[in-house]
C-alpha atoms as a PDB file:
ATOM      1  CA  MET A   1      -4.553   6.854   2.999  1.00  0.00           C
ATOM      2  CA  ALA A   2      -2.513   5.253   0.455  1.00  0.00           C
ATOM      3  CA  SER A   3      -0.684   6.765  -2.480  1.00  0.00           C
ATOM      4  CA  SER A   4       0.531   4.906  -5.507  1.00  0.00           C
ATOM      5  CA  ALA A   5       3.830   6.778  -5.259  1.00  0.00           C
ATOM      6  CA  LEU A   6       4.603   4.848  -2.066  1.00  0.00           C
ATOM      7  CA  PHE A   7       2.472   1.765  -2.033  1.00  0.00           C
ATOM      8  CA  PRO A   8       1.500  -0.883  -4.770  1.00  0.00           C
ATOM      9  CA  PRO A   9      -2.047  -0.195  -6.296  1.00  0.00           C
ATOM     10  CA  VAL A  10      -4.699  -1.174  -3.646  1.00  0.00           C
ATOM     11  CA  LEU A  11      -6.405  -3.772  -5.712  1.00  0.00           C
ATOM     12  CA  SER A  12      -3.196  -5.519  -6.587  1.00  0.00           C
ATOM     13  CA  VAL A  13      -2.755  -6.536  -3.039  1.00  0.00           C
ATOM     14  CA  LEU A  14      -6.384  -7.086  -1.835  1.00  0.00           C
ATOM     15  CA  SER A  15      -7.817 -10.489  -1.627  1.00  0.00           C
ATOM     16  CA  LEU A  16     -11.144 -10.997  -3.519  1.00  0.00           C
ATOM     17  CA  ALA A  17     -12.936 -10.985  -0.523  1.00  0.00           C
ATOM     18  CA  ALA A  18     -11.633  -7.631   0.612  1.00  0.00           C
ATOM     19  CA  GLN A  19     -11.933  -6.156  -2.954  1.00  0.00           C
ATOM     20  CA  ALA A  20     -15.590  -6.899  -2.777  1.00  0.00           C
ATOM     21  CA  ASP A  21     -15.906  -5.377   0.610  1.00  0.00           C
ATOM     22  CA  LYS A  22     -14.180  -2.230  -0.538  1.00  0.00           C
ATOM     23  CA  SER A  23     -16.348  -1.835  -3.621  1.00  0.00           C
ATOM     24  CA  LYS A  24     -19.568  -1.695  -1.679  1.00  0.00           C
ATOM     25  CA  LEU A  25     -21.565   1.517  -1.533  1.00  0.00           C
ATOM     26  CA  THR A  26     -22.537   0.865   2.099  1.00  0.00           C
ATOM     27  CA  SER A  27     -21.269  -1.689   4.605  1.00  0.00           C
ATOM     28  CA  ALA A  28     -21.807  -2.552   8.160  1.00  0.00           C
ATOM     29  CA  ASP A  29     -18.083  -3.733   8.377  1.00  0.00           C
ATOM     30  CA  PRO A  30     -15.599  -1.104   8.969  1.00  0.00           C
ATOM     31  CA  TRP A  31     -12.099  -0.794   7.771  1.00  0.00           C
ATOM     32  CA  LEU A  32      -9.716  -0.226  10.719  1.00  0.00           C
ATOM     33  CA  MET A  33      -6.005   0.635  10.911  1.00  0.00           C
ATOM     34  CA  LEU A  34      -3.971  -1.034  13.313  1.00  0.00           C
ATOM     35  CA  ILE A  35      -0.257  -0.136  14.308  1.00  0.00           C
ATOM     36  CA  ASP A  36       2.096  -2.083  16.393  1.00  0.00           C
ATOM     37  CA  VAL A  37       5.099  -0.122  17.510  1.00  0.00           C
ATOM     38  CA  VAL A  38       8.125  -2.517  18.347  1.00  0.00           C
ATOM     39  CA  TRP A  39      11.025  -1.140  20.590  1.00  0.00           C
ATOM     40  CA  GLN A  40      13.621  -3.666  22.007  1.00  0.00           C
ATOM     41  CA  GLY A  41      11.085  -6.489  22.069  1.00  0.00           C
ATOM     42  CA  GLN A  42       8.278  -4.492  23.621  1.00  0.00           C
ATOM     43  CA  HIS A  43       4.973  -3.943  21.712  1.00  0.00           C
ATOM     44  CA  PHE A  44       2.638  -1.087  21.722  1.00  0.00           C
ATOM     45  CA  ARG A  45      -0.280  -1.998  19.851  1.00  0.00           C
ATOM     46  CA  LEU A  46      -3.090   0.622  18.930  1.00  0.00           C
ATOM     47  CA  ALA A  47      -6.384   0.532  16.973  1.00  0.00           C
ATOM     48  CA  ARG A  48      -7.858   3.574  15.286  1.00  0.00           C
ATOM     49  CA  ASN A  49     -11.310   2.603  16.724  1.00  0.00           C
ATOM     50  CA  VAL A  50     -13.676   3.547  19.602  1.00  0.00           C
ATOM     51  CA  ASP A  51     -13.429   0.100  21.183  1.00  0.00           C
ATOM     52  CA  ASP A  52     -10.321  -2.226  21.696  1.00  0.00           C
ATOM     53  CA  VAL A  53      -9.632  -4.679  18.974  1.00  0.00           C
ATOM     54  CA  GLN A  54      -8.477  -8.303  19.134  1.00  0.00           C
ATOM     55  CA  PHE A  55      -6.461  -9.410  15.929  1.00  0.00           C
ATOM     56  CA  ASP A  56      -4.072 -12.134  14.636  1.00  0.00           C
ATOM     57  CA  ALA A  57      -1.582 -10.057  12.182  1.00  0.00           C
ATOM     58  CA  GLY A  58      -0.085 -13.488  11.063  1.00  0.00           C
ATOM     59  CA  ASP A  59       3.073 -12.390  12.703  1.00  0.00           C
ATOM     60  CA  GLY A  60       3.707 -15.525  14.798  1.00  0.00           C
ATOM     61  CA  PHE A  61       2.267 -13.915  18.051  1.00  0.00           C
ATOM     62  CA  GLY A  62      -1.230 -14.959  17.683  1.00  0.00           C
ATOM     63  CA  VAL A  63      -4.279 -13.016  18.622  1.00  0.00           C
ATOM     64  CA  GLN A  64      -3.357  -9.595  20.380  1.00  0.00           C
ATOM     65  CA  ASP A  65      -5.157  -6.935  21.943  1.00  0.00           C
ATOM     66  CA  TYR A  66      -4.899  -3.559  20.206  1.00  0.00           C
ATOM     67  CA  THR A  67      -5.804  -0.684  22.497  1.00  0.00           C
ATOM     68  CA  LYS A  68      -8.471   1.785  21.304  1.00  0.00           C
ATOM     69  CA  SER A  69      -6.945   5.139  20.212  1.00  0.00           C
ATOM     70  CA  ALA A  70      -7.403   8.167  17.837  1.00  0.00           C
ATOM     71  CA  PHE A  71      -4.581   8.606  15.319  1.00  0.00           C
ATOM     72  CA  ASP A  72      -4.349   9.988  11.696  1.00  0.00           C
ATOM     73  CA  LEU A  73      -1.845   9.001   8.946  1.00  0.00           C
ATOM     74  CA  THR A  74      -0.813  11.508   6.490  1.00  0.00           C
ATOM     75  CA  ILE A  75       1.946  11.473   3.772  1.00  0.00           C
ATOM     76  CA  GLU A  76       4.539  14.405   3.793  1.00  0.00           C
ATOM     77  CA  ARG A  77       6.069  14.952   0.138  1.00  0.00           C
ATOM     78  CA  THR A  78       9.138  16.495  -0.386  1.00  0.00           C
ATOM     79  CA  SER A  79      11.017  17.949  -3.237  1.00  0.00           C
ATOM     80  CA  GLY A  80      14.299  17.062  -4.811  1.00  0.00           C
ATOM     81  CA  GLY A  81      13.611  13.539  -5.614  1.00  0.00           C
ATOM     82  CA  GLN A  82      13.683  12.266  -1.916  1.00  0.00           C
ATOM     83  CA  LEU A  83      11.049   9.692  -0.899  1.00  0.00           C
ATOM     84  CA  PRO A  84       7.938  10.937   0.816  1.00  0.00           C
ATOM     85  CA  SER A  85       7.601  10.167   4.496  1.00  0.00           C
ATOM     86  CA  ILE A  86       4.692   9.089   6.432  1.00  0.00           C
ATOM     87  CA  GLN A  87       3.396  10.739   9.826  1.00  0.00           C
ATOM     88  CA  ILE A  88       1.261   9.079  12.363  1.00  0.00           C
ATOM     89  CA  LYS A  89      -0.259  11.771  14.776  1.00  0.00           C
ATOM     90  CA  ILE A  90      -1.517   9.810  17.936  1.00  0.00           C
ATOM     91  CA  SER A  91      -3.905  11.645  20.604  1.00  0.00           C
ATOM     92  CA  ASP A  92      -2.254  11.104  23.882  1.00  0.00           C
ATOM     93  CA  ILE A  93      -4.360  13.293  26.296  1.00  0.00           C
ATOM     94  CA  GLN A  94      -3.896  10.630  29.129  1.00  0.00           C
ATOM     95  CA  GLY A  95      -0.137  10.497  28.589  1.00  0.00           C
ATOM     96  CA  LEU A  96      -0.104   6.584  28.013  1.00  0.00           C
ATOM     97  CA  LEU A  97       2.788   7.095  25.487  1.00  0.00           C
ATOM     98  CA  GLN A  98       4.770   9.693  27.469  1.00  0.00           C
ATOM     99  CA  GLY A  99       6.578   7.298  29.543  1.00  0.00           C
ATOM    100  CA  PRO A 100       8.008   4.931  26.867  1.00  0.00           C
ATOM    101  CA  ILE A 101       8.888   7.978  24.799  1.00  0.00           C
ATOM    102  CA  GLN A 102      10.837   9.699  27.448  1.00  0.00           C
ATOM    103  CA  GLU A 103      12.473   6.479  28.553  1.00  0.00           C
ATOM    104  CA  TYR A 104      13.533   5.505  25.220  1.00  0.00           C
ATOM    105  CA  ALA A 105      14.652   8.730  23.626  1.00  0.00           C
ATOM    106  CA  GLY A 106      11.621   8.996  21.460  1.00  0.00           C
ATOM    107  CA  VAL A 107      11.972   5.416  20.359  1.00  0.00           C
ATOM    108  CA  VAL A 108      13.750   6.633  17.095  1.00  0.00           C
ATOM    109  CA  GLY A 109      14.494   3.510  15.268  1.00  0.00           C
ATOM    110  CA  ALA A 110      11.652   1.359  16.330  1.00  0.00           C
ATOM    111  CA  THR A 111       9.936  -0.612  13.670  1.00  0.00           C
ATOM    112  CA  VAL A 112       6.209   0.237  13.121  1.00  0.00           C
ATOM    113  CA  SER A 113       3.862  -2.221  11.435  1.00  0.00           C
ATOM    114  CA  MET A 114       0.683  -0.740   9.898  1.00  0.00           C
ATOM    115  CA  TYR A 115      -2.404  -3.248   9.253  1.00  0.00           C
ATOM    116  CA  PHE A 116      -5.440  -2.221   7.381  1.00  0.00           C
ATOM    117  CA  VAL A 117      -8.125  -4.751   8.338  1.00  0.00           C
ATOM    118  CA  ASN A 118     -11.799  -5.354   7.158  1.00  0.00           C
ATOM    119  CA  MET A 119     -13.600  -6.382  10.318  1.00  0.00           C
ATOM    120  CA  ALA A 120     -15.786  -8.822   8.055  1.00  0.00           C
ATOM    121  CA  HIS A 121     -12.560 -10.992   7.878  1.00  0.00           C
ATOM    122  CA  PRO A 122     -10.522 -10.242  11.098  1.00  0.00           C
ATOM    123  CA  ALA A 123      -8.989 -13.395  11.362  1.00  0.00           C
ATOM    124  CA  GLY A 124      -5.354 -14.343   9.846  1.00  0.00           C
ATOM    125  CA  GLU A 125      -3.247 -12.006   7.874  1.00  0.00           C
ATOM    126  CA  PRO A 126      -4.444  -8.467   7.265  1.00  0.00           C
ATOM    127  CA  SER A 127      -5.730  -7.073   4.016  1.00  0.00           C
ATOM    128  CA  ILE A 128      -2.641  -4.784   3.723  1.00  0.00           C
ATOM    129  CA  ALA A 129       0.322  -4.725   5.863  1.00  0.00           C
ATOM    130  CA  LEU A 130       3.296  -2.087   5.793  1.00  0.00           C
ATOM    131  CA  THR A 131       6.264  -1.996   7.761  1.00  0.00           C
ATOM    132  CA  SER A 132       8.395   0.987   8.348  1.00  0.00           C
ATOM    133  CA  THR A 133      10.917   2.655  10.860  1.00  0.00           C
ATOM    134  CA  ILE A 134      10.413   5.757  13.171  1.00  0.00           C
ATOM    135  CA  MET A 135      12.936   8.470  11.830  1.00  0.00           C
ATOM    136  CA  ARG A 136      11.602  11.396  14.239  1.00  0.00           C
ATOM    137  CA  THR A 137       9.335  11.884  17.050  1.00  0.00           C
ATOM    138  CA  GLN A 138       7.434  15.042  18.049  1.00  0.00           C
ATOM    139  CA  ASN A 139       5.908  15.007  21.639  1.00  0.00           C
ATOM    140  CA  VAL A 140       3.380  17.422  22.921  1.00  0.00           C
ATOM    141  CA  PRO A 141       2.779  16.410  26.540  1.00  0.00           C
ATOM    142  CA  LEU A 142      -0.884  15.367  27.382  1.00  0.00           C
ATOM    143  CA  GLU A 143      -1.900  16.317  23.851  1.00  0.00           C
ATOM    144  CA  SER A 144      -0.402  14.241  20.978  1.00  0.00           C
ATOM    145  CA  VAL A 145       2.557  12.263  19.734  1.00  0.00           C
ATOM    146  CA  THR A 146       3.624  12.310  16.028  1.00  0.00           C
ATOM    147  CA  PHE A 147       5.903   9.674  14.589  1.00  0.00           C
ATOM    148  CA  THR A 148       7.625  10.413  11.348  1.00  0.00           C
ATOM    149  CA  LEU A 149       8.409   7.304   9.516  1.00  0.00           C
ATOM    150  CA  GLY A 150      10.675   6.647   6.440  1.00  0.00           C
ATOM    151  CA  ALA A 151       8.847   5.470   3.500  1.00  0.00           C
ATOM    152  CA  PRO A 152       9.138   1.733   2.440  1.00  0.00           C
ATOM    153  CA  LYS A 153      12.338   1.424   0.597  1.00  0.00           C
ATOM    154  CA  PRO A 154      12.310  -1.491  -2.019  1.00  0.00           C
ATOM    155  CA  GLN A 155      16.223  -1.400  -1.914  1.00  0.00           C
ATOM    156  CA  GLN A 156      15.977  -2.402   1.850  1.00  0.00           C
ATOM    157  CA  GLN A 157      13.672  -5.325   1.327  1.00  0.00           C
ATOM    158  CA  LEU A 158      14.903  -8.801   0.497  1.00  0.00           C
ATOM    159  CA  PHE A 159      14.377  -9.902  -3.039  1.00  0.00           C
ATOM    160  CA  PRO A 160      13.654 -12.647  -4.045  1.00  0.00           C
ATOM    161  CA  ARG A 161      11.566 -12.910  -0.705  1.00  0.00           C
ATOM    162  CA  TYR A 162      12.669 -16.403   0.330  1.00  0.00           C
ATOM    163  CA  LEU A 163      15.437 -18.445   0.648  1.00  0.00           C
ATOM    164  CA  TYR A 164      14.668 -21.898  -0.352  1.00  0.00           C
ATOM    165  CA  ARG A 165      16.520 -24.662   1.434  1.00  0.00           C
ATOM    166  CA  ALA A 166      16.543 -28.378   1.395  1.00  0.00           C
ATOM    167  CA  ASP A 167      16.422 -29.043   5.096  1.00  0.00           C
ATOM    168  CA  PHE A 168      15.069 -25.835   6.822  1.00  0.00           C
ATOM    169  CA  CYS A 169      11.569 -24.468   7.096  1.00  0.00           C
ATOM    170  CA  ILE A 170      11.063 -21.031   5.481  1.00  0.00           C
ATOM    171  CA  TRP A 171       8.037 -20.382   7.986  1.00  0.00           C
ATOM    172  CA  VAL A 172       9.959 -20.263  11.178  1.00  0.00           C
ATOM    173  CA  PRO A 173       9.997 -16.351  11.248  1.00  0.00           C
ATOM    174  CA  THR A 174       6.016 -16.439  11.050  1.00  0.00           C
ATOM    175  CA  TYR A 175       5.539 -19.621  13.514  1.00  0.00           C
ATOM    176  CA  LYS A 176       1.976 -20.376  14.016  1.00  0.00           C
ATOM    177  CA  GLY A 177       1.104 -18.053  11.229  1.00  0.00           C
ATOM    178  CA  LYS A 178      -1.046 -18.666   8.197  1.00  0.00           C
ATOM    179  CA  TRP A 179       1.494 -20.787   6.404  1.00  0.00           C
ATOM    180  CA  CYS A 180       2.873 -22.579   9.292  1.00  0.00           C
ATOM    181  CA  GLY A 181      -0.657 -23.422  10.256  1.00  0.00           C
ATOM    182  CA  TYR A 182       0.590 -24.862  13.713  1.00  0.00           C
ATOM    183  CA  THR A 183      -2.140 -24.183  16.479  1.00  0.00           C
ATOM    184  CA  GLY A 184      -0.704 -26.350  19.439  1.00  0.00           C
ATOM    185  CA  THR A 185       0.910 -25.267  22.674  1.00  0.00           C
ATOM    186  CA  LEU A 186       4.787 -25.507  21.841  1.00  0.00           C
ATOM    187  CA  PRO A 187       6.164 -22.097  22.212  1.00  0.00           C
ATOM    188  CA  ASN A 188       8.574 -22.336  19.293  1.00  0.00           C
ATOM    189  CA  CYS A 189      10.064 -24.701  16.462  1.00  0.00           C
ATOM    190  CA  ASP A 190      13.669 -25.353  15.205  1.00  0.00           C
ATOM    191  CA  GLY A 191      12.888 -25.383  11.672  1.00  0.00           C
ATOM    192  CA  THR A 192      13.844 -29.075  11.050  1.00  0.00           C
ATOM    193  CA  TYR A 193      11.625 -31.858   9.794  1.00  0.00           C
ATOM    194  CA  ASN A 194      12.411 -34.420  12.326  1.00  0.00           C
ATOM    195  CA  GLY A 195      14.507 -32.785  14.848  1.00  0.00           C
ATOM    196  CA  SER A 196      13.913 -32.575  18.673  1.00  0.00           C
ATOM    197  CA  ASN A 197      11.808 -29.604  18.319  1.00  0.00           C
ATOM    198  CA  GLY A 198      10.922 -29.775  14.680  1.00  0.00           C
ATOM    199  CA  CYS A 199       7.766 -30.427  12.506  1.00  0.00           C
ATOM    200  CA  VAL A 200       7.294 -34.181  13.329  1.00  0.00           C
ATOM    201  CA  ALA A 201       7.595 -33.176  17.259  1.00  0.00           C
ATOM    202  CA  HIS A 202       4.626 -30.658  16.478  1.00  0.00           C
ATOM    203  CA  ALA A 203       2.646 -33.238  14.366  1.00  0.00           C
ATOM    204  CA  ASN A 204       2.710 -30.548  11.603  1.00  0.00           C
ATOM    205  CA  GLN A 205       4.890 -32.372   9.083  1.00  0.00           C
ATOM    206  CA  GLN A 206       2.381 -31.666   6.200  1.00  0.00           C
ATOM    207  CA  ARG A 207       3.208 -28.044   6.581  1.00  0.00           C
ATOM    208  CA  PHE A 208       7.084 -28.420   6.596  1.00  0.00           C
ATOM    209  CA  GLY A 209       8.351 -25.578   4.502  1.00  0.00           C
ATOM    210  CA  ALA A 210      11.630 -26.975   3.064  1.00  0.00           C
ATOM    211  CA  PHE A 211      12.564 -28.137  -0.467  1.00  0.00           C
ATOM    212  CA  PRO A 212      14.193 -31.482  -0.319  1.00  0.00           C
ATOM    213  CA  GLY A 213      14.210 -31.838  -4.098  1.00  0.00           C
ATOM    214  CA  ILE A 214      16.661 -29.102  -4.502  1.00  0.00           C
ATOM    215  CA  GLY A 215      19.504 -31.105  -2.890  1.00  0.00           C
ATOM    216  CA  THR A 216      21.725 -30.212   0.191  1.00  0.00           C
ATOM    217  CA  ASN A 217      24.980 -28.815  -1.816  1.00  0.00           C
ATOM    218  CA  GLY A 218      23.455 -25.274  -1.515  1.00  0.00           C
ATOM    219  CA  GLY A 219      20.349 -23.298  -1.770  1.00  0.00           C
ATOM    220  CA  SER A 220      18.071 -21.798  -4.484  1.00  0.00           C
ATOM    221  CA  LEU A 221      16.656 -18.256  -4.315  1.00  0.00           C
ATOM    222  CA  ALA A 222      13.124 -17.900  -5.598  1.00  0.00           C
ATOM    223  CA  SER A 223      10.058 -15.636  -5.117  1.00  0.00           C
ATOM    224  CA  GLN A 224       6.719 -16.834  -4.081  1.00  0.00           C
ATOM    225  CA  THR A 225       3.865 -16.536  -6.605  1.00  0.00           C
END
């Protein structure tokens, strides 16, 4: 499903546990592909599986239901030095996607997150996660929907990955995710240490993701290792 022209080598991004599962000759634990199409705050979550799947993608939303579906991922290569595109063809014989596609003009511009998960390790962050944008939609009513996605573009990604600040937590965008670690009932966090809705109020100050040692006269950019 992946190509080195589009994505980093698989073993360079898989955890040690996932690498071990990938290298097995036989396994009772399947690899699944999950997709999350996000348009104007609405999520359409699908699992390439015969049963619904519950999964926490580490995106701050906690465990979510991914509806069973049949879809395929292919890579469309072009000439002239252009980046390849990704196509996801989804079976839609029950017309579940017809309404949103017609209502939102093909959901062109929507964000698509693709997760590759080994079900032996379903909790937390996925083994591989890719994010792209819907560039074109082809709809065959009561048959299929095909999304054409733009290939991941390194020049559109933040680098270095994080802005390190002395007084603001870097884990706010992934609240309740792996690195934040908060599992309580408060719905959000203001990113401060001792603010009215900060880490102390959450009793989670040991996970405060700021860097007081750099001072308060600015920020320092660095990448996570």
